[in-house]
Amino acid sequence: MSPKLKEKSLSPEVQAAAIGSQAPAGPLEFSELDDRVTRALYAASEKKAIEPTVLDLRGIATFTDFFVICTGANRRQVQAIADEVVEQLKRHGNPAARVEGYQNAEWVLVDYGDFVVHVFDDKARRFYDLERLWREARRLDVSHDDLARTGSLTEAQ
């Protein structure tokens, strides 16, 4: 396969056409996020998650719409972040479909069907580098200041 054809076949527009939808254009905005994704971000922020990021996979993947990715400084923080996300969403009628990797706590995956929360330790996040793997996705790097400007976790409830 020629490099030009390969590059074209990997473009978000070609992938979106292949799965029958159009990839949204432009940068991802906080206001575009589903309330449950926003709630997961607030919950992670409550436990001081490091570098929260959202990847918009609509139009480039069929198995989910969003990835919420964040990092914990150590095993206990990774588990605390995952626990808080699960608890906050469950409290509002959104139980997780499954949780994987909790005991080891290098990479905890919390699956909600149309979005997936990934809580990594630093080493695993750098190794798996989902942001690079899904680089075609629109991306939103969320700061704690962004969350504070849009409201607190209690306002999101």
Protein backbone atom coordinates (compact mmCIF):
# COMPACT_ATOMS: atom_id res chain seq x y z
CA MET A 1 0.00 0.00 0.00
CA SER A 2 1.37 3.39 -0.92
CA PRO A 3 2.14 5.80 1.94
CA LYS A 4 -0.32 8.34 0.52
CA LEU A 5 -3.15 5.79 0.35
CA LYS A 6 -2.33 4.48 3.81
CA GLU A 7 -2.37 8.01 5.25
CA LYS A 8 -5.70 8.73 3.59
CA SER A 9 -7.22 5.47 4.82
CA LEU A 10 -6.31 6.37 8.43
CA SER A 11 -7.90 9.83 8.32
CA PRO A 12 -10.89 10.43 10.63
CA GLU A 13 -13.09 11.37 7.67
CA VAL A 14 -12.41 8.06 5.89
CA GLN A 15 -12.92 6.08 9.10
CA ALA A 16 -16.17 7.93 9.84
CA ALA A 17 -17.45 7.22 6.34
CA ALA A 18 -16.59 3.55 6.78
CA ILE A 19 -18.71 3.27 9.92
CA GLY A 20 -21.49 5.47 8.60
CA SER A 21 -21.11 8.65 10.64
CA GLN A 22 -19.31 11.94 10.33
CA ALA A 23 -16.56 12.81 12.80
CA PRO A 24 -17.30 16.15 14.50
CA ALA A 25 -14.91 18.90 13.45
CA GLY A 26 -12.91 21.31 15.59
CA PRO A 27 -11.67 21.08 19.16
CA LEU A 28 -13.76 19.35 21.80
CA GLU A 29 -15.56 21.78 24.10
CA PHE A 30 -16.53 21.15 27.71
CA SER A 31 -20.16 21.99 26.88
CA GLU A 32 -20.32 19.06 24.40
CA LEU A 33 -19.76 16.48 27.12
CA ASP A 34 -22.51 14.19 28.35
CA ASP A 35 -23.58 14.93 31.95
CA ARG A 36 -22.25 11.55 33.06
CA VAL A 37 -18.84 12.27 31.54
CA THR A 38 -18.82 15.62 33.31
CA ARG A 39 -19.79 13.93 36.58
CA ALA A 40 -16.92 11.44 36.15
CA LEU A 41 -14.52 14.36 35.66
CA TYR A 42 -15.79 16.08 38.80
CA ALA A 43 -15.48 12.85 40.78
CA ALA A 44 -11.90 12.30 39.58
CA SER A 45 -11.10 15.92 40.39
CA GLU A 46 -12.43 15.45 43.94
CA LYS A 47 -9.69 12.84 44.42
CA LYS A 48 -7.04 15.09 42.85
CA ALA A 49 -6.67 13.17 39.58
CA ILE A 50 -3.68 14.29 37.52
CA GLU A 51 -4.04 15.46 33.89
CA PRO A 52 -7.70 14.59 33.23
CA THR A 53 -8.31 14.31 29.50
CA VAL A 54 -11.36 13.46 27.42
CA LEU A 55 -11.10 11.90 23.98
CA ASP A 56 -14.13 12.13 21.69
CA LEU A 57 -14.26 8.84 19.79
CA ARG A 58 -17.61 9.48 18.08
CA GLY A 59 -17.13 8.98 14.39
CA ILE A 60 -13.88 7.02 14.73
CA ALA A 61 -14.89 4.11 16.99
CA THR A 62 -18.05 2.07 17.31
CA PHE A 63 -17.58 0.60 20.79
CA THR A 64 -17.81 3.84 22.82
CA ASP A 65 -18.21 7.61 22.44
CA PHE A 66 -15.71 9.00 24.95
CA PHE A 67 -12.62 8.06 26.91
CA VAL A 68 -12.01 9.86 30.19
CA ILE A 69 -8.33 9.44 31.04
CA CYS A 70 -6.57 10.50 34.22
CA THR A 71 -3.64 9.57 36.43
CA GLY A 72 -3.16 8.84 40.11
CA ALA A 73 0.16 9.35 41.87
CA ASN A 74 0.13 5.90 43.49
CA ARG A 75 -1.91 2.71 43.81
CA ARG A 76 -4.12 4.04 46.59
CA GLN A 77 -4.93 7.23 44.69
CA VAL A 78 -5.72 5.28 41.50
CA GLN A 79 -8.17 3.14 43.48
CA ALA A 80 -9.63 6.18 45.28
CA ILE A 81 -10.26 7.95 41.96
CA ALA A 82 -11.94 4.86 40.50
CA ASP A 83 -14.01 4.41 43.67
CA GLU A 84 -15.20 8.02 43.59
CA VAL A 85 -16.18 7.85 39.92
CA VAL A 86 -18.10 4.60 40.46
CA GLU A 87 -19.80 5.93 43.61
CA GLN A 88 -20.81 9.31 42.16
CA LEU A 89 -22.27 7.84 39.00
CA LYS A 90 -23.99 4.99 40.85
CA ARG A 91 -25.54 7.52 43.25
CA HIS A 92 -27.12 9.20 40.22
CA GLY A 93 -28.49 6.02 38.66
CA ASN A 94 -25.56 5.12 36.42
CA PRO A 95 -23.92 1.92 37.65
CA ALA A 96 -20.74 0.80 35.91
CA ALA A 97 -21.14 -2.09 33.48
CA ARG A 98 -17.78 -3.43 34.67
CA VAL A 99 -14.58 -2.47 36.45
CA GLU A 100 -11.27 -4.08 35.51
CA GLY A 101 -7.77 -3.82 36.94
CA TYR A 102 -8.80 -2.54 40.36
CA GLN A 103 -6.64 -4.87 42.48
CA ASN A 104 -3.43 -4.21 40.56
CA ALA A 105 -4.30 -0.50 40.17
CA GLU A 106 -1.84 0.22 37.37
CA TRP A 107 -4.73 0.76 34.96
CA VAL A 108 -8.30 0.71 36.23
CA LEU A 109 -10.92 0.65 33.49
CA VAL A 110 -14.48 1.62 34.40
CA ASP A 111 -16.88 0.85 31.55
CA TYR A 112 -20.18 2.71 31.20
CA GLY A 113 -20.91 1.55 27.66
CA ASP A 114 -20.95 4.84 25.79
CA PHE A 115 -17.96 6.13 27.71
CA VAL A 116 -15.01 4.50 29.46
CA VAL A 117 -13.00 5.92 32.36
CA HIS A 118 -9.30 4.97 32.41
CA VAL A 119 -7.41 5.66 35.64
CA PHE A 120 -3.70 5.01 35.28
CA ASP A 121 -0.63 5.19 37.41
CA ASP A 122 1.98 7.41 35.77
CA LYS A 123 4.13 4.61 34.34
CA ALA A 124 1.18 2.79 32.74
CA ARG A 125 -0.26 5.99 31.27
CA ARG A 126 3.03 6.79 29.57
CA PHE A 127 3.44 3.20 28.37
CA TYR A 128 -0.06 2.73 26.89
CA ASP A 129 -0.34 6.36 25.74
CA LEU A 130 -4.01 6.25 24.72
CA GLU A 131 -3.82 9.88 23.64
CA ARG A 132 -1.29 8.93 20.96
CA LEU A 133 -3.06 5.70 20.05
CA TRP A 134 -6.33 7.61 19.49
CA ARG A 135 -4.70 10.79 18.16
CA GLU A 136 -7.45 11.19 15.54
CA ALA A 137 -9.95 11.84 18.33
CA ARG A 138 -10.89 15.34 19.34
CA ARG A 139 -9.30 16.02 22.71
CA LEU A 140 -10.10 18.10 25.75
CA ASP A 141 -7.45 18.51 28.43
CA VAL A 142 -9.38 19.45 31.56
CA SER A 143 -7.77 21.49 34.31
CA HIS A 144 -9.06 21.74 37.86
CA ASP A 145 -9.63 25.44 37.08
CA ASP A 146 -11.93 24.48 34.18
CA LEU A 147 -14.00 22.35 36.53
CA ALA A 148 -14.10 25.11 39.14
CA ARG A 149 -15.29 27.63 36.53
CA THR A 150 -18.09 25.36 35.33
CA GLY A 151 -19.29 24.51 38.84
CA SER A 152 -18.56 22.18 41.69
CA LEU A 153 -19.41 18.51 42.03
CA THR A 154 -22.39 19.41 44.19
CA GLU A 155 -23.73 21.69 41.45
CA ALA A 156 -23.33 18.83 38.95
CA GLN A 157 -25.58 16.65 41.10
